[in-house]
Amino acid sequence: FQHIASIVVMDNVVIIHKLLSDVYVYVIGDDKENELLLLGIMNALEECLHSITKSQVTKNAVERHMDLCLLSLDELIDDGLVLELDSAAIFDRVCGSDPSSVGQPQSLQGALEQAKNSFMKSFGSR
């Protein structure tokens, strides 16, 4: 998007950081990690944040959608393992197939149906 990520190596860690409007995003890995993989994680996370906040990545927007931002991070990485780098797939799993529904409240039945569909979609693709 607008800014270029910076890569810093210090004290046996690789730190990639980027400023998105007024939000600082950091990806930190062991110094043996591939910097290109860490940069891919940064790019996927950035694209997810842009999708979730409708391209208005600000502190307020991230705070307002913190649950979806954290779910995106969970879909991206689990226990130090990269699960997915395709931001569209992550966004679809986190928010469902209707991007206009981001931040909209839904009924318990709707949430259960969405979770069931997401589970079936991910289970069927394996």
N, C-alpha and C. Protein backbone atom coordinates (compact mmCIF):
# COMPACT_ATOMS: atom_id res chain seq x y z
N PHE A 1 0.84 -1.17 0.00
CA PHE A 1 0.00 0.00 0.00
C PHE A 1 0.89 1.24 0.00
N GLN A 2 0.82 2.13 0.95
CA GLN A 2 1.55 3.38 0.84
C GLN A 2 2.99 3.30 1.33
N HIS A 3 3.23 2.67 2.44
CA HIS A 3 4.54 2.72 3.07
C HIS A 3 5.28 1.42 2.85
N ILE A 4 6.59 1.50 2.90
CA ILE A 4 7.44 0.33 2.74
C ILE A 4 7.81 -0.19 4.12
N ALA A 5 7.80 -1.52 4.25
CA ALA A 5 8.17 -2.13 5.53
C ALA A 5 9.68 -2.03 5.73
N SER A 6 10.08 -1.86 6.96
CA SER A 6 11.50 -1.82 7.32
C SER A 6 11.86 -3.11 8.03
N ILE A 7 13.05 -3.62 7.72
CA ILE A 7 13.53 -4.85 8.33
C ILE A 7 14.75 -4.52 9.19
N VAL A 8 14.70 -4.99 10.44
CA VAL A 8 15.79 -4.76 11.39
C VAL A 8 16.16 -6.11 11.99
N VAL A 9 17.46 -6.38 12.09
CA VAL A 9 17.95 -7.58 12.75
C VAL A 9 18.72 -7.14 13.98
N MET A 10 18.27 -7.62 15.14
CA MET A 10 18.98 -7.27 16.39
C MET A 10 18.67 -8.29 17.46
N ASP A 11 19.67 -8.58 18.26
CA ASP A 11 19.53 -9.53 19.37
C ASP A 11 18.89 -10.84 18.95
N ASN A 12 19.34 -11.42 17.85
CA ASN A 12 18.89 -12.72 17.37
C ASN A 12 17.42 -12.76 16.95
N VAL A 13 16.84 -11.64 16.60
CA VAL A 13 15.48 -11.60 16.06
C VAL A 13 15.44 -10.71 14.81
N VAL A 14 14.51 -11.04 13.95
CA VAL A 14 14.25 -10.22 12.77
C VAL A 14 12.95 -9.48 13.04
N ILE A 15 12.97 -8.18 12.90
CA ILE A 15 11.79 -7.36 13.16
C ILE A 15 11.42 -6.65 11.86
N ILE A 16 10.20 -6.87 11.43
CA ILE A 16 9.67 -6.14 10.27
C ILE A 16 8.59 -5.23 10.80
N HIS A 17 8.70 -3.94 10.52
CA HIS A 17 7.68 -3.01 11.02
C HIS A 17 7.23 -2.10 9.90
N LYS A 18 6.00 -1.65 10.06
CA LYS A 18 5.38 -0.80 9.05
C LYS A 18 4.38 0.11 9.73
N LEU A 19 4.30 1.33 9.24
CA LEU A 19 3.33 2.30 9.75
C LEU A 19 2.17 2.38 8.77
N LEU A 20 0.99 2.08 9.26
CA LEU A 20 -0.24 2.18 8.46
C LEU A 20 -1.07 3.31 9.08
N SER A 21 -1.06 4.45 8.46
CA SER A 21 -1.73 5.62 8.99
C SER A 21 -1.15 5.92 10.37
N ASP A 22 -1.89 5.64 11.44
CA ASP A 22 -1.38 5.86 12.80
C ASP A 22 -1.26 4.56 13.58
N VAL A 23 -1.18 3.44 12.86
CA VAL A 23 -1.06 2.11 13.47
C VAL A 23 0.29 1.51 13.10
N TYR A 24 1.06 1.14 14.10
CA TYR A 24 2.32 0.45 13.86
C TYR A 24 2.06 -1.05 13.89
N VAL A 25 2.56 -1.76 12.88
CA VAL A 25 2.40 -3.20 12.79
C VAL A 25 3.80 -3.82 12.81
N TYR A 26 3.98 -4.82 13.66
CA TYR A 26 5.27 -5.49 13.79
C TYR A 26 5.10 -6.98 13.56
N VAL A 27 6.04 -7.57 12.82
CA VAL A 27 6.16 -9.02 12.69
C VAL A 27 7.56 -9.36 13.16
N ILE A 28 7.64 -10.24 14.16
CA ILE A 28 8.93 -10.57 14.77
C ILE A 28 9.17 -12.06 14.63
N GLY A 29 10.37 -12.41 14.18
CA GLY A 29 10.74 -13.81 14.02
C GLY A 29 12.16 -14.05 14.47
N ASP A 30 12.49 -15.30 14.62
CA ASP A 30 13.84 -15.71 14.96
C ASP A 30 14.79 -15.29 13.84
N ASP A 31 16.05 -15.06 14.18
CA ASP A 31 17.00 -14.61 13.16
C ASP A 31 17.27 -15.67 12.09
N LYS A 32 16.82 -16.89 12.31
CA LYS A 32 16.97 -17.94 11.31
C LYS A 32 15.77 -18.00 10.35
N GLU A 33 14.74 -17.21 10.64
CA GLU A 33 13.55 -17.18 9.78
C GLU A 33 13.86 -16.48 8.47
N ASN A 34 13.17 -16.89 7.45
CA ASN A 34 13.30 -16.28 6.13
C ASN A 34 12.62 -14.91 6.15
N GLU A 35 13.36 -13.87 5.81
CA GLU A 35 12.81 -12.51 5.83
C GLU A 35 11.67 -12.34 4.83
N LEU A 36 11.74 -13.06 3.72
CA LEU A 36 10.67 -12.96 2.72
C LEU A 36 9.36 -13.57 3.24
N LEU A 37 9.47 -14.64 4.02
CA LEU A 37 8.28 -15.21 4.63
C LEU A 37 7.68 -14.24 5.64
N LEU A 38 8.52 -13.63 6.46
CA LEU A 38 8.04 -12.65 7.43
C LEU A 38 7.40 -11.46 6.72
N LEU A 39 7.99 -11.04 5.61
CA LEU A 39 7.41 -9.95 4.83
C LEU A 39 6.06 -10.36 4.23
N GLY A 40 5.95 -11.61 3.81
CA GLY A 40 4.66 -12.13 3.32
C GLY A 40 3.60 -12.10 4.40
N ILE A 41 3.99 -12.43 5.62
CA ILE A 41 3.06 -12.36 6.76
C ILE A 41 2.62 -10.92 6.98
N MET A 42 3.58 -9.99 6.92
CA MET A 42 3.26 -8.56 7.08
C MET A 42 2.27 -8.11 6.00
N ASN A 43 2.53 -8.47 4.77
CA ASN A 43 1.66 -8.05 3.67
C ASN A 43 0.26 -8.64 3.80
N ALA A 44 0.16 -9.92 4.17
CA ALA A 44 -1.15 -10.54 4.35
C ALA A 44 -1.91 -9.88 5.49
N LEU A 45 -1.22 -9.60 6.60
CA LEU A 45 -1.86 -8.93 7.73
C LEU A 45 -2.33 -7.54 7.34
N GLU A 46 -1.49 -6.81 6.61
CA GLU A 46 -1.86 -5.47 6.18
C GLU A 46 -3.11 -5.51 5.28
N GLU A 47 -3.15 -6.43 4.35
CA GLU A 47 -4.31 -6.54 3.45
C GLU A 47 -5.57 -6.91 4.23
N CYS A 48 -5.42 -7.78 5.23
CA CYS A 48 -6.58 -8.13 6.07
C CYS A 48 -7.07 -6.91 6.84
N LEU A 49 -6.15 -6.14 7.40
CA LEU A 49 -6.55 -4.93 8.14
C LEU A 49 -7.25 -3.94 7.21
N HIS A 50 -6.76 -3.80 5.99
CA HIS A 50 -7.41 -2.90 5.03
C HIS A 50 -8.81 -3.40 4.70
N SER A 51 -8.98 -4.70 4.54
CA SER A 51 -10.30 -5.26 4.23
C SER A 51 -11.27 -5.10 5.40
N ILE A 52 -10.78 -5.39 6.59
CA ILE A 52 -11.64 -5.32 7.77
C ILE A 52 -12.08 -3.89 8.07
N THR A 53 -11.15 -2.96 7.94
CA THR A 53 -11.46 -1.56 8.27
C THR A 53 -11.92 -0.75 7.05
N LYS A 54 -12.17 -1.44 5.96
CA LYS A 54 -12.62 -0.80 4.72
C LYS A 54 -11.65 0.29 4.29
N SER A 55 -10.36 -0.07 4.26
CA SER A 55 -9.24 0.78 3.84
C SER A 55 -9.03 2.01 4.71
N GLN A 56 -9.57 2.03 5.90
CA GLN A 56 -9.37 3.13 6.85
C GLN A 56 -8.64 2.58 8.08
N VAL A 57 -7.38 2.16 7.89
CA VAL A 57 -6.63 1.57 8.99
C VAL A 57 -6.15 2.68 9.92
N THR A 58 -6.93 2.91 10.96
CA THR A 58 -6.59 3.87 12.00
C THR A 58 -6.70 3.17 13.35
N LYS A 59 -6.17 3.80 14.38
CA LYS A 59 -6.27 3.20 15.72
C LYS A 59 -7.72 2.95 16.10
N ASN A 60 -8.58 3.93 15.82
CA ASN A 60 -9.99 3.78 16.18
C ASN A 60 -10.64 2.63 15.42
N ALA A 61 -10.35 2.52 14.12
CA ALA A 61 -10.96 1.46 13.31
C ALA A 61 -10.47 0.09 13.75
N VAL A 62 -9.17 -0.02 14.03
CA VAL A 62 -8.63 -1.29 14.49
C VAL A 62 -9.22 -1.66 15.85
N GLU A 63 -9.35 -0.68 16.74
CA GLU A 63 -9.95 -0.93 18.05
C GLU A 63 -11.41 -1.36 17.91
N ARG A 64 -12.14 -0.71 17.02
CA ARG A 64 -13.55 -1.03 16.79
C ARG A 64 -13.72 -2.45 16.26
N HIS A 65 -12.76 -2.92 15.47
CA HIS A 65 -12.84 -4.25 14.85
C HIS A 65 -11.76 -5.17 15.41
N MET A 66 -11.39 -4.97 16.67
CA MET A 66 -10.30 -5.74 17.27
C MET A 66 -10.57 -7.24 17.20
N ASP A 67 -11.80 -7.65 17.40
CA ASP A 67 -12.11 -9.08 17.36
C ASP A 67 -11.78 -9.67 15.99
N LEU A 68 -12.15 -8.99 14.93
CA LEU A 68 -11.86 -9.49 13.58
C LEU A 68 -10.38 -9.42 13.26
N CYS A 69 -9.70 -8.40 13.76
CA CYS A 69 -8.26 -8.28 13.54
C CYS A 69 -7.52 -9.43 14.21
N LEU A 70 -7.91 -9.75 15.44
CA LEU A 70 -7.27 -10.85 16.15
C LEU A 70 -7.61 -12.20 15.53
N LEU A 71 -8.85 -12.37 15.05
CA LEU A 71 -9.21 -13.60 14.36
C LEU A 71 -8.39 -13.76 13.08
N SER A 72 -8.16 -12.66 12.38
CA SER A 72 -7.34 -12.70 11.17
C SER A 72 -5.93 -13.14 11.50
N LEU A 73 -5.38 -12.60 12.56
CA LEU A 73 -4.04 -12.98 12.98
C LEU A 73 -4.00 -14.46 13.36
N ASP A 74 -5.06 -14.94 14.00
CA ASP A 74 -5.14 -16.34 14.38
C ASP A 74 -5.24 -17.25 13.15
N GLU A 75 -5.94 -16.79 12.12
CA GLU A 75 -6.03 -17.56 10.88
C GLU A 75 -4.72 -17.53 10.10
N LEU A 76 -3.94 -16.50 10.29
CA LEU A 76 -2.67 -16.32 9.59
C LEU A 76 -1.58 -17.20 10.20
N ILE A 77 -1.48 -17.17 11.52
CA ILE A 77 -0.42 -17.88 12.24
C ILE A 77 -1.03 -18.61 13.43
N ASP A 78 -0.58 -19.85 13.66
CA ASP A 78 -1.03 -20.59 14.83
C ASP A 78 0.18 -21.29 15.44
N ASP A 79 0.48 -20.96 16.67
CA ASP A 79 1.57 -21.57 17.42
C ASP A 79 2.89 -21.46 16.66
N GLY A 80 3.11 -20.31 16.01
CA GLY A 80 4.35 -20.07 15.30
C GLY A 80 4.41 -20.63 13.89
N LEU A 81 3.36 -21.31 13.46
CA LEU A 81 3.31 -21.87 12.11
C LEU A 81 2.42 -21.01 11.23
N VAL A 82 2.90 -20.73 10.03
CA VAL A 82 2.11 -19.96 9.08
C VAL A 82 1.06 -20.88 8.47
N LEU A 83 -0.21 -20.51 8.64
CA LEU A 83 -1.30 -21.32 8.12
C LEU A 83 -1.76 -20.85 6.74
N GLU A 84 -1.78 -19.55 6.53
CA GLU A 84 -2.35 -19.00 5.29
C GLU A 84 -1.75 -17.63 5.04
N LEU A 85 -1.41 -17.37 3.78
CA LEU A 85 -0.91 -16.05 3.40
C LEU A 85 -1.85 -15.34 2.44
N ASP A 86 -2.91 -16.01 2.02
CA ASP A 86 -3.87 -15.42 1.10
C ASP A 86 -4.86 -14.59 1.91
N SER A 87 -4.73 -13.26 1.84
CA SER A 87 -5.56 -12.39 2.67
C SER A 87 -7.04 -12.51 2.32
N ALA A 88 -7.36 -12.79 1.07
CA ALA A 88 -8.78 -12.95 0.68
C ALA A 88 -9.38 -14.18 1.36
N ALA A 89 -8.61 -15.26 1.42
CA ALA A 89 -9.10 -16.48 2.09
C ALA A 89 -9.26 -16.25 3.59
N ILE A 90 -8.31 -15.54 4.18
CA ILE A 90 -8.40 -15.23 5.61
C ILE A 90 -9.62 -14.36 5.89
N PHE A 91 -9.80 -13.31 5.09
CA PHE A 91 -10.93 -12.41 5.27
C PHE A 91 -12.24 -13.16 5.10
N ASP A 92 -12.30 -14.06 4.13
CA ASP A 92 -13.52 -14.84 3.91
C ASP A 92 -13.83 -15.73 5.11
N ARG A 93 -12.81 -16.35 5.69
CA ARG A 93 -13.04 -17.19 6.86
C ARG A 93 -13.44 -16.39 8.08
N VAL A 94 -12.86 -15.22 8.23
CA VAL A 94 -13.14 -14.40 9.41
C VAL A 94 -14.48 -13.69 9.30
N CYS A 95 -14.78 -13.13 8.14
CA CYS A 95 -15.95 -12.28 7.98
C CYS A 95 -17.07 -12.92 7.18
N GLY A 96 -16.85 -14.09 6.63
CA GLY A 96 -17.87 -14.69 5.77
C GLY A 96 -17.73 -14.14 4.37
N SER A 97 -18.60 -14.57 3.51
CA SER A 97 -18.47 -14.20 2.10
C SER A 97 -19.06 -12.83 1.78
N ASP A 98 -19.69 -12.18 2.75
CA ASP A 98 -20.31 -10.87 2.49
C ASP A 98 -19.49 -9.77 3.16
N PRO A 99 -18.60 -9.10 2.40
CA PRO A 99 -17.75 -8.08 3.02
C PRO A 99 -18.52 -6.89 3.56
N SER A 100 -19.74 -6.66 3.12
CA SER A 100 -20.52 -5.54 3.63
C SER A 100 -21.02 -5.79 5.05
N SER A 101 -20.92 -7.04 5.51
CA SER A 101 -21.42 -7.37 6.84
C SER A 101 -20.38 -7.14 7.93
N VAL A 102 -19.20 -6.65 7.59
CA VAL A 102 -18.15 -6.42 8.58
C VAL A 102 -18.65 -5.39 9.59
N GLY A 103 -18.56 -5.78 10.86
CA GLY A 103 -18.96 -4.88 11.93
C GLY A 103 -20.46 -4.83 12.18
N GLN A 104 -21.23 -5.53 11.38
CA GLN A 104 -22.68 -5.55 11.57
C GLN A 104 -23.04 -6.64 12.57
N PRO A 105 -23.92 -6.35 13.53
CA PRO A 105 -24.32 -7.39 14.47
C PRO A 105 -25.15 -8.45 13.76
N GLN A 106 -25.06 -9.68 14.25
CA GLN A 106 -25.86 -10.74 13.68
C GLN A 106 -26.46 -11.57 14.80
N SER A 107 -27.50 -12.31 14.46
CA SER A 107 -28.16 -13.13 15.46
C SER A 107 -27.28 -14.33 15.80
N LEU A 108 -27.59 -14.99 16.90
CA LEU A 108 -26.86 -16.18 17.28
C LEU A 108 -27.01 -17.26 16.23
N GLN A 109 -28.21 -17.40 15.69
CA GLN A 109 -28.46 -18.39 14.64
C GLN A 109 -27.60 -18.09 13.41
N GLY A 110 -27.50 -16.81 13.03
CA GLY A 110 -26.68 -16.42 11.88
C GLY A 110 -25.21 -16.70 12.13
N ALA A 111 -24.75 -16.42 13.35
CA ALA A 111 -23.35 -16.67 13.68
C ALA A 111 -23.05 -18.16 13.65
N LEU A 112 -23.97 -18.97 14.19
CA LEU A 112 -23.77 -20.43 14.16
C LEU A 112 -23.77 -20.96 12.73
N GLU A 113 -24.65 -20.44 11.90
CA GLU A 113 -24.70 -20.85 10.50
C GLU A 113 -23.41 -20.47 9.78
N GLN A 114 -22.92 -19.28 10.03
CA GLN A 114 -21.67 -18.84 9.41
C GLN A 114 -20.50 -19.71 9.88
N ALA A 115 -20.45 -20.03 11.16
CA ALA A 115 -19.39 -20.88 11.69
C ALA A 115 -19.48 -22.27 11.08
N LYS A 116 -20.68 -22.80 10.95
CA LYS A 116 -20.87 -24.12 10.34
C LYS A 116 -20.40 -24.13 8.90
N ASN A 117 -20.78 -23.11 8.14
CA ASN A 117 -20.37 -23.02 6.74
C ASN A 117 -18.86 -22.89 6.61
N SER A 118 -18.26 -22.08 7.47
CA SER A 118 -16.81 -21.91 7.45
C SER A 118 -16.11 -23.22 7.77
N PHE A 119 -16.62 -23.93 8.77
CA PHE A 119 -16.04 -25.22 9.15
C PHE A 119 -16.15 -26.21 8.00
N MET A 120 -17.32 -26.28 7.40
CA MET A 120 -17.53 -27.23 6.31
C MET A 120 -16.65 -26.89 5.10
N LYS A 121 -16.49 -25.60 4.84
CA LYS A 121 -15.66 -25.16 3.72
C LYS A 121 -14.20 -25.54 3.97
N SER A 122 -13.70 -25.30 5.18
CA SER A 122 -12.30 -25.62 5.47
C SER A 122 -12.10 -27.12 5.59
N PHE A 123 -13.08 -27.85 6.09
CA PHE A 123 -12.98 -29.30 6.22
C PHE A 123 -13.02 -29.96 4.85
N GLY A 124 -13.83 -29.41 3.95
CA GLY A 124 -13.96 -29.97 2.60
C GLY A 124 -12.75 -29.72 1.73
N SER A 125 -11.96 -28.70 2.05
CA SER A 125 -10.80 -28.37 1.21
C SER A 125 -9.56 -29.17 1.58
N ARG A 126 -9.65 -30.02 2.58
CA ARG A 126 -8.48 -30.82 3.01
C ARG A 126 -8.48 -32.17 2.42
